[in-house]
PDB file of N, CA and C in Angstrom:
ATOM      1  N   MET A   1     -12.504  12.052  13.450  1.00  0.00           N
ATOM      2  CA  MET A   1     -11.257  12.701  13.450  1.00  0.00           C
ATOM      3  C   MET A   1     -10.804  12.505  12.015  1.00  0.00           C
ATOM      4  N   GLN A   2     -10.397  13.691  11.398  1.00  0.00           N
ATOM      5  CA  GLN A   2      -9.900  13.746  10.091  1.00  0.00           C
ATOM      6  C   GLN A   2      -8.433  13.978  10.017  1.00  0.00           C
ATOM      7  N   LEU A   3      -7.787  13.446   8.957  1.00  0.00           N
ATOM      8  CA  LEU A   3      -6.250  13.518   8.793  1.00  0.00           C
ATOM      9  C   LEU A   3      -5.989  14.006   7.472  1.00  0.00           C
ATOM     10  N   ALA A   4      -5.079  15.099   7.408  1.00  0.00           N
ATOM     11  CA  ALA A   4      -4.518  15.529   6.061  1.00  0.00           C
ATOM     12  C   ALA A   4      -3.053  15.370   6.164  1.00  0.00           C
ATOM     13  N   ILE A   5      -2.368  15.020   5.056  1.00  0.00           N
ATOM     14  CA  ILE A   5      -0.976  14.917   4.941  1.00  0.00           C
ATOM     15  C   ILE A   5      -0.399  15.787   3.833  1.00  0.00           C
ATOM     16  N   ASP A   6       0.606  16.531   4.207  1.00  0.00           N
ATOM     17  CA  ASP A   6       1.311  17.389   3.210  1.00  0.00           C
ATOM     18  C   ASP A   6       2.803  17.019   3.193  1.00  0.00           C
ATOM     19  N   ARG A   7       3.442  17.084   2.098  1.00  0.00           N
ATOM     20  CA  ARG A   7       4.840  16.775   1.810  1.00  0.00           C
ATOM     21  C   ARG A   7       5.527  18.150   1.515  1.00  0.00           C
ATOM     22  N   CYS A   8       6.656  18.318   1.991  1.00  0.00           N
ATOM     23  CA  CYS A   8       7.562  19.485   1.657  1.00  0.00           C
ATOM     24  C   CYS A   8       8.869  18.899   1.185  1.00  0.00           C
ATOM     25  N   ASP A   9       9.349  19.608   0.170  1.00  0.00           N
ATOM     26  CA  ASP A   9      10.612  19.157  -0.464  1.00  0.00           C
ATOM     27  C   ASP A   9      11.830  19.629   0.383  1.00  0.00           C
ATOM     28  N   GLU A  10      11.516  20.295   1.512  1.00  0.00           N
ATOM     29  CA  GLU A  10      12.561  20.779   2.485  1.00  0.00           C
ATOM     30  C   GLU A  10      12.085  20.399   3.861  1.00  0.00           C
ATOM     31  N   THR A  11      12.803  20.746   4.895  1.00  0.00           N
ATOM     32  CA  THR A  11      12.399  20.424   6.214  1.00  0.00           C
ATOM     33  C   THR A  11      11.391  21.606   6.717  1.00  0.00           C
ATOM     34  N   TRP A  12      10.304  21.135   7.297  1.00  0.00           N
ATOM     35  CA  TRP A  12       9.234  22.035   7.846  1.00  0.00           C
ATOM     36  C   TRP A  12       9.888  22.929   8.914  1.00  0.00           C
ATOM     37  N   VAL A  13       9.460  24.107   8.939  1.00  0.00           N
ATOM     38  CA  VAL A  13      10.095  25.091   9.954  1.00  0.00           C
ATOM     39  C   VAL A  13       8.843  25.606  10.769  1.00  0.00           C
ATOM     40  N   PRO A  14       9.132  25.745  12.061  1.00  0.00           N
ATOM     41  CA  PRO A  14       7.989  26.288  12.958  1.00  0.00           C
ATOM     42  C   PRO A  14       7.763  27.768  12.694  1.00  0.00           C
ATOM     43  N   ASP A  15       6.509  28.106  12.810  1.00  0.00           N
ATOM     44  CA  ASP A  15       6.161  29.525  12.718  1.00  0.00           C
ATOM     45  C   ASP A  15       5.062  29.828  13.690  1.00  0.00           C
ATOM     46  N   THR A  16       4.477  30.937  13.759  1.00  0.00           N
ATOM     47  CA  THR A  16       3.413  31.287  14.710  1.00  0.00           C
ATOM     48  C   THR A  16       2.083  30.527  14.684  1.00  0.00           C
ATOM     49  N   GLU A  17       1.841  29.858  13.452  1.00  0.00           N
ATOM     50  CA  GLU A  17       0.625  29.092  13.359  1.00  0.00           C
ATOM     51  C   GLU A  17       0.897  27.648  13.105  1.00  0.00           C
ATOM     52  N   GLY A  18       2.085  27.128  13.471  1.00  0.00           N
ATOM     53  CA  GLY A  18       2.223  25.713  13.362  1.00  0.00           C
ATOM     54  C   GLY A  18       3.630  25.567  12.645  1.00  0.00           C
ATOM     55  N   TYR A  19       3.508  25.012  11.436  1.00  0.00           N
ATOM     56  CA  TYR A  19       4.798  24.676  10.638  1.00  0.00           C
ATOM     57  C   TYR A  19       4.469  25.171   9.273  1.00  0.00           C
ATOM     58  N   ARG A  20       5.510  25.665   8.608  1.00  0.00           N
ATOM     59  CA  ARG A  20       5.482  26.032   7.168  1.00  0.00           C
ATOM     60  C   ARG A  20       6.548  25.426   6.372  1.00  0.00           C
ATOM     61  N   CYS A  21       6.317  25.330   5.030  1.00  0.00           N
ATOM     62  CA  CYS A  21       7.278  24.692   4.147  1.00  0.00           C
ATOM     63  C   CYS A  21       8.018  25.843   3.511  1.00  0.00           C
ATOM     64  N   PRO A  22       9.404  25.977   3.549  1.00  0.00           N
ATOM     65  CA  PRO A  22      10.110  26.933   2.921  1.00  0.00           C
ATOM     66  C   PRO A  22      10.291  26.615   1.483  1.00  0.00           C
ATOM     67  N   GLY A  23       9.836  25.560   0.974  1.00  0.00           N
ATOM     68  CA  GLY A  23      10.059  25.100  -0.419  1.00  0.00           C
ATOM     69  C   GLY A  23       8.610  24.757  -1.088  1.00  0.00           C
ATOM     70  N   ALA A  24       8.535  23.785  -1.812  1.00  0.00           N
ATOM     71  CA  ALA A  24       7.300  23.330  -2.486  1.00  0.00           C
ATOM     72  C   ALA A  24       6.537  22.320  -1.682  1.00  0.00           C
ATOM     73  N   THR A  25       5.250  22.593  -1.518  1.00  0.00           N
ATOM     74  CA  THR A  25       4.343  21.767  -0.736  1.00  0.00           C
ATOM     75  C   THR A  25       3.456  20.868  -1.773  1.00  0.00           C
ATOM     76  N   THR A  26       3.263  19.713  -1.489  1.00  0.00           N
ATOM     77  CA  THR A  26       2.327  18.756  -2.223  1.00  0.00           C
ATOM     78  C   THR A  26       1.370  18.170  -1.230  1.00  0.00           C
ATOM     79  N   ALA A  27       0.087  18.213  -1.631  1.00  0.00           N
ATOM     80  CA  ALA A  27      -0.937  17.636  -0.757  1.00  0.00           C
ATOM     81  C   ALA A  27      -0.867  16.045  -1.099  1.00  0.00           C
ATOM     82  N   ILE A  28      -0.612  15.232  -0.042  1.00  0.00           N
ATOM     83  CA  ILE A  28      -0.635  13.758  -0.192  1.00  0.00           C
ATOM     84  C   ILE A  28      -1.965  13.210  -0.010  1.00  0.00           C
ATOM     85  N   SER A  29      -2.643  13.753   1.022  1.00  0.00           N
ATOM     86  CA  SER A  29      -4.046  13.326   1.289  1.00  0.00           C
ATOM     87  C   SER A  29      -4.805  14.463   1.902  1.00  0.00           C
ATOM     88  N   LEU A  30      -5.929  14.726   1.345  1.00  0.00           N
ATOM     89  CA  LEU A  30      -6.864  15.763   1.926  1.00  0.00           C
ATOM     90  C   LEU A  30      -7.572  15.065   3.130  1.00  0.00           C
ATOM     91  N   ASP A  31      -8.310  15.976   3.857  1.00  0.00           N
ATOM     92  CA  ASP A  31      -9.039  15.461   5.038  1.00  0.00           C
ATOM     93  C   ASP A  31      -9.767  14.017   4.697  1.00  0.00           C
ATOM     94  N   ARG A  32      -9.371  13.116   5.395  1.00  0.00           N
ATOM     95  CA  ARG A  32     -10.048  11.866   5.307  1.00  0.00           C
ATOM     96  C   ARG A  32     -10.102  11.151   6.716  1.00  0.00           C
ATOM     97  N   PRO A  33     -10.957  10.186   7.038  1.00  0.00           N
ATOM     98  CA  PRO A  33     -11.064   9.547   8.277  1.00  0.00           C
ATOM     99  C   PRO A  33      -9.570   8.994   8.664  1.00  0.00           C
ATOM    100  N   VAL A  34      -9.215   9.096   9.917  1.00  0.00           N
ATOM    101  CA  VAL A  34      -7.931   8.803  10.516  1.00  0.00           C
ATOM    102  C   VAL A  34      -7.659   7.263  10.162  1.00  0.00           C
ATOM    103  N   GLN A  35      -8.760   6.468  10.310  1.00  0.00           N
ATOM    104  CA  GLN A  35      -8.553   4.936  10.095  1.00  0.00           C
ATOM    105  C   GLN A  35      -8.279   4.586   8.698  1.00  0.00           C
ATOM    106  N   ALA A  36      -8.030   5.487   7.853  1.00  0.00           N
ATOM    107  CA  ALA A  36      -7.814   5.153   6.361  1.00  0.00           C
ATOM    108  C   ALA A  36      -6.327   4.619   6.279  1.00  0.00           C
ATOM    109  N   THR A  37      -6.141   3.785   5.297  1.00  0.00           N
ATOM    110  CA  THR A  37      -4.744   3.361   4.873  1.00  0.00           C
ATOM    111  C   THR A  37      -4.344   4.317   3.714  1.00  0.00           C
ATOM    112  N   ILE A  38      -3.162   4.965   3.961  1.00  0.00           N
ATOM    113  CA  ILE A  38      -2.765   5.820   2.762  1.00  0.00           C
ATOM    114  C   ILE A  38      -1.429   5.348   2.242  1.00  0.00           C
ATOM    115  N   SER A  39      -1.355   5.098   0.969  1.00  0.00           N
ATOM    116  CA  SER A  39      -0.208   4.718   0.410  1.00  0.00           C
ATOM    117  C   SER A  39       0.805   5.779   0.025  1.00  0.00           C
ATOM    118  N   LEU A  40       1.961   5.553   0.438  1.00  0.00           N
ATOM    119  CA  LEU A  40       3.047   6.563   0.075  1.00  0.00           C
ATOM    120  C   LEU A  40       4.127   5.937  -0.835  1.00  0.00           C
ATOM    121  N   ASN A  41       3.658   5.213  -1.776  1.00  0.00           N
ATOM    122  CA  ASN A  41       4.490   4.514  -2.777  1.00  0.00           C
ATOM    123  C   ASN A  41       5.610   5.353  -3.426  1.00  0.00           C
ATOM    124  N   ASP A  42       5.222   6.673  -3.692  1.00  0.00           N
ATOM    125  CA  ASP A  42       6.208   7.579  -4.318  1.00  0.00           C
ATOM    126  C   ASP A  42       6.984   8.268  -3.356  1.00  0.00           C
ATOM    127  N   SER A  43       7.045   7.932  -2.088  1.00  0.00           N
ATOM    128  CA  SER A  43       7.896   8.556  -1.064  1.00  0.00           C
ATOM    129  C   SER A  43       9.350   8.621  -1.431  1.00  0.00           C
ATOM    130  N   PRO A  44       9.976   9.827  -1.258  1.00  0.00           N
ATOM    131  CA  PRO A  44      11.393   9.865  -1.327  1.00  0.00           C
ATOM    132  C   PRO A  44      12.133   8.994  -0.333  1.00  0.00           C
ATOM    133  N   ALA A  45      11.479   8.589   0.686  1.00  0.00           N
ATOM    134  CA  ALA A  45      12.029   7.795   1.741  1.00  0.00           C
ATOM    135  C   ALA A  45      12.325   6.386   1.276  1.00  0.00           C
ATOM    136  N   HIS A  46      11.701   6.054   0.138  1.00  0.00           N
ATOM    137  CA  HIS A  46      12.001   4.599  -0.443  1.00  0.00           C
ATOM    138  C   HIS A  46      13.337   4.541  -1.048  1.00  0.00           C
ATOM    139  N   GLN A  47      13.999   5.688  -1.352  1.00  0.00           N
ATOM    140  CA  GLN A  47      15.342   5.743  -2.011  1.00  0.00           C
ATOM    141  C   GLN A  47      16.407   5.455  -0.887  1.00  0.00           C
ATOM    142  N   PHE A  48      17.555   5.043  -1.319  1.00  0.00           N
ATOM    143  CA  PHE A  48      18.625   4.880  -0.375  1.00  0.00           C
ATOM    144  C   PHE A  48      18.955   6.231   0.319  1.00  0.00           C
ATOM    145  N   ALA A  49      18.958   6.165   1.605  1.00  0.00           N
ATOM    146  CA  ALA A  49      19.250   7.402   2.437  1.00  0.00           C
ATOM    147  C   ALA A  49      18.210   8.475   2.216  1.00  0.00           C
ATOM    148  N   GLY A  50      16.988   8.069   1.671  1.00  0.00           N
ATOM    149  CA  GLY A  50      15.911   9.062   1.395  1.00  0.00           C
ATOM    150  C   GLY A  50      15.212   9.500   2.605  1.00  0.00           C
ATOM    151  N   VAL A  51      14.702  10.741   2.446  1.00  0.00           N
ATOM    152  CA  VAL A  51      13.893  11.390   3.670  1.00  0.00           C
ATOM    153  C   VAL A  51      12.624  11.946   3.077  1.00  0.00           C
ATOM    154  N   ASP A  52      11.588  11.924   3.860  1.00  0.00           N
ATOM    155  CA  ASP A  52      10.307  12.405   3.325  1.00  0.00           C
ATOM    156  C   ASP A  52       9.910  13.373   4.469  1.00  0.00           C
ATOM    157  N   HIS A  53       9.558  14.603   4.167  1.00  0.00           N
ATOM    158  CA  HIS A  53       9.173  15.617   5.194  1.00  0.00           C
ATOM    159  C   HIS A  53       7.783  15.797   5.092  1.00  0.00           C
ATOM    160  N   LEU A  54       7.036  15.106   6.030  1.00  0.00           N
ATOM    161  CA  LEU A  54       5.610  15.069   6.085  1.00  0.00           C
ATOM    162  C   LEU A  54       4.911  15.999   7.248  1.00  0.00           C
ATOM    163  N   ARG A  55       3.880  16.576   6.940  1.00  0.00           N
ATOM    164  CA  ARG A  55       3.106  17.201   8.058  1.00  0.00           C
ATOM    165  C   ARG A  55       1.749  16.470   8.143  1.00  0.00           C
ATOM    166  N   PHE A  56       1.374  16.040   9.305  1.00  0.00           N
ATOM    167  CA  PHE A  56       0.155  15.463   9.680  1.00  0.00           C
ATOM    168  C   PHE A  56      -0.720  16.443  10.360  1.00  0.00           C
ATOM    169  N   THR A  57      -1.988  16.744   9.814  1.00  0.00           N
ATOM    170  CA  THR A  57      -2.826  17.662  10.458  1.00  0.00           C
ATOM    171  C   THR A  57      -4.056  16.822  10.852  1.00  0.00           C
ATOM    172  N   PHE A  58      -4.383  16.916  12.077  1.00  0.00           N
ATOM    173  CA  PHE A  58      -5.613  16.221  12.644  1.00  0.00           C
ATOM    174  C   PHE A  58      -6.596  17.316  12.996  1.00  0.00           C
ATOM    175  N   ARG A  59      -7.872  17.034  12.710  1.00  0.00           N
ATOM    176  CA  ARG A  59      -8.870  17.930  13.077  1.00  0.00           C
ATOM    177  C   ARG A  59     -10.231  17.224  13.071  1.00  0.00           C
ATOM    178  N   LEU A  60     -11.114  17.769  13.846  1.00  0.00           N
ATOM    179  CA  LEU A  60     -12.500  17.245  13.915  1.00  0.00           C
ATOM    180  C   LEU A  60     -13.293  17.808  12.828  1.00  0.00           C
ATOM    181  N   PRO A  61     -14.179  17.011  12.194  1.00  0.00           N
ATOM    182  CA  PRO A  61     -15.081  17.642  11.241  1.00  0.00           C
ATOM    183  C   PRO A  61     -15.982  18.606  11.793  1.00  0.00           C
ATOM    184  N   THR A  62     -16.429  19.521  10.949  1.00  0.00           N
ATOM    185  CA  THR A  62     -17.349  20.578  11.469  1.00  0.00           C
ATOM    186  C   THR A  62     -18.649  19.932  11.990  1.00  0.00           C
ATOM    187  N   THR A  63     -19.005  18.716  11.611  1.00  0.00           N
ATOM    188  CA  THR A  63     -20.203  18.120  12.032  1.00  0.00           C
ATOM    189  C   THR A  63     -20.060  17.329  13.327  1.00  0.00           C
ATOM    190  N   ALA A  64     -18.803  17.329  13.883  1.00  0.00           N
ATOM    191  CA  ALA A  64     -18.679  16.603  15.102  1.00  0.00           C
ATOM    192  C   ALA A  64     -19.537  17.215  16.268  1.00  0.00           C
ATOM    193  N   PRO A  65     -20.188  16.419  17.061  1.00  0.00           N
ATOM    194  CA  PRO A  65     -21.063  16.853  18.100  1.00  0.00           C
ATOM    195  C   PRO A  65     -20.255  17.449  19.251  1.00  0.00           C
ATOM    196  N   SER A  66     -20.766  18.367  20.009  1.00  0.00           N
ATOM    197  CA  SER A  66     -20.135  19.079  21.024  1.00  0.00           C
ATOM    198  C   SER A  66     -19.815  18.098  22.152  1.00  0.00           C
ATOM    199  N   SER A  67     -20.403  16.840  22.222  1.00  0.00           N
ATOM    200  CA  SER A  67     -20.057  15.911  23.190  1.00  0.00           C
ATOM    201  C   SER A  67     -18.691  15.307  23.173  1.00  0.00           C
ATOM    202  N   VAL A  68     -17.989  15.496  21.917  1.00  0.00           N
ATOM    203  CA  VAL A  68     -16.569  15.003  21.863  1.00  0.00           C
ATOM    204  C   VAL A  68     -15.549  15.964  22.389  1.00  0.00           C
ATOM    205  N   GLU A  69     -16.066  17.127  22.701  1.00  0.00           N
ATOM    206  CA  GLU A  69     -15.203  18.163  23.349  1.00  0.00           C
ATOM    207  C   GLU A  69     -14.482  17.609  24.624  1.00  0.00           C
ATOM    208  N   GLY A  70     -13.228  17.703  24.732  1.00  0.00           N
ATOM    209  CA  GLY A  70     -12.548  17.162  25.940  1.00  0.00           C
ATOM    210  C   GLY A  70     -12.279  15.703  25.916  1.00  0.00           C
ATOM    211  N   THR A  71     -12.634  15.056  25.002  1.00  0.00           N
ATOM    212  CA  THR A  71     -12.320  13.541  24.877  1.00  0.00           C
ATOM    213  C   THR A  71     -10.888  13.293  24.355  1.00  0.00           C
ATOM    214  N   SER A  72     -10.394  12.188  24.479  1.00  0.00           N
ATOM    215  CA  SER A  72      -9.112  11.883  23.938  1.00  0.00           C
ATOM    216  C   SER A  72      -9.037  10.596  23.258  1.00  0.00           C
ATOM    217  N   GLY A  73      -7.950  10.277  22.528  1.00  0.00           N
ATOM    218  CA  GLY A  73      -7.829   9.026  21.793  1.00  0.00           C
ATOM    219  C   GLY A  73      -6.407   8.951  21.383  1.00  0.00           C
ATOM    220  N   SER A  74      -6.056   8.076  20.518  1.00  0.00           N
ATOM    221  CA  SER A  74      -4.656   7.823  20.066  1.00  0.00           C
ATOM    222  C   SER A  74      -4.672   7.404  18.689  1.00  0.00           C
ATOM    223  N   VAL A  75      -3.611   7.649  18.009  1.00  0.00           N
ATOM    224  CA  VAL A  75      -3.363   7.326  16.498  1.00  0.00           C
ATOM    225  C   VAL A  75      -2.113   6.528  16.417  1.00  0.00           C
ATOM    226  N   LEU A  76      -2.094   5.513  15.668  1.00  0.00           N
ATOM    227  CA  LEU A  76      -0.870   4.709  15.443  1.00  0.00           C
ATOM    228  C   LEU A  76      -0.518   5.023  14.027  1.00  0.00           C
ATOM    229  N   ILE A  77       0.621   5.468  13.811  1.00  0.00           N
ATOM    230  CA  ILE A  77       1.256   5.632  12.402  1.00  0.00           C
ATOM    231  C   ILE A  77       2.392   4.742  12.209  1.00  0.00           C
ATOM    232  N   GLY A  78       2.264   3.945  11.182  1.00  0.00           N
ATOM    233  CA  GLY A  78       3.392   2.889  11.004  1.00  0.00           C
ATOM    234  C   GLY A  78       3.603   2.760   9.520  1.00  0.00           C
ATOM    235  N   ALA A  79       4.639   1.928   9.261  1.00  0.00           N
ATOM    236  CA  ALA A  79       5.022   1.545   7.959  1.00  0.00           C
ATOM    237  C   ALA A  79       4.482   0.178   7.696  1.00  0.00           C
ATOM    238  N   LYS A  80       3.994  -0.123   6.526  1.00  0.00           N
ATOM    239  CA  LYS A  80       3.527  -1.366   6.091  1.00  0.00           C
ATOM    240  C   LYS A  80       4.700  -1.884   5.275  1.00  0.00           C
ATOM    241  N   GLY A  81       5.094  -3.150   5.576  1.00  0.00           N
ATOM    242  CA  GLY A  81       6.122  -3.747   4.784  1.00  0.00           C
ATOM    243  C   GLY A  81       5.755  -4.170   3.389  1.00  0.00           C
ATOM    244  N   THR A  82       6.653  -4.323   2.574  1.00  0.00           N
ATOM    245  CA  THR A  82       6.440  -4.710   1.147  1.00  0.00           C
ATOM    246  C   THR A  82       6.896  -6.177   0.880  1.00  0.00           C
ATOM    247  N   THR A  83       6.412  -6.808  -0.058  1.00  0.00           N
ATOM    248  CA  THR A  83       6.884  -8.115  -0.364  1.00  0.00           C
ATOM    249  C   THR A  83       7.283  -8.253  -1.803  1.00  0.00           C
TER     250      THR A  83
END
């Protein structure tokens, strides 16, 4: 399973193909394995009353065997505390 993360400077809006950003989009992370740790140190959410508009896109790599079709799994997305 691959994960890509994009940031929008506005709220994502639904469209016929998923969600689109009405403002500027920044790629935070290109396709990478889901189990990766991704740092969001520059997130606007770190500011007082800050919000980060993120879109998570999950996909199977083109090399995935057909035997994974119909299988399921789960992903935990959480925040890592700072010291």
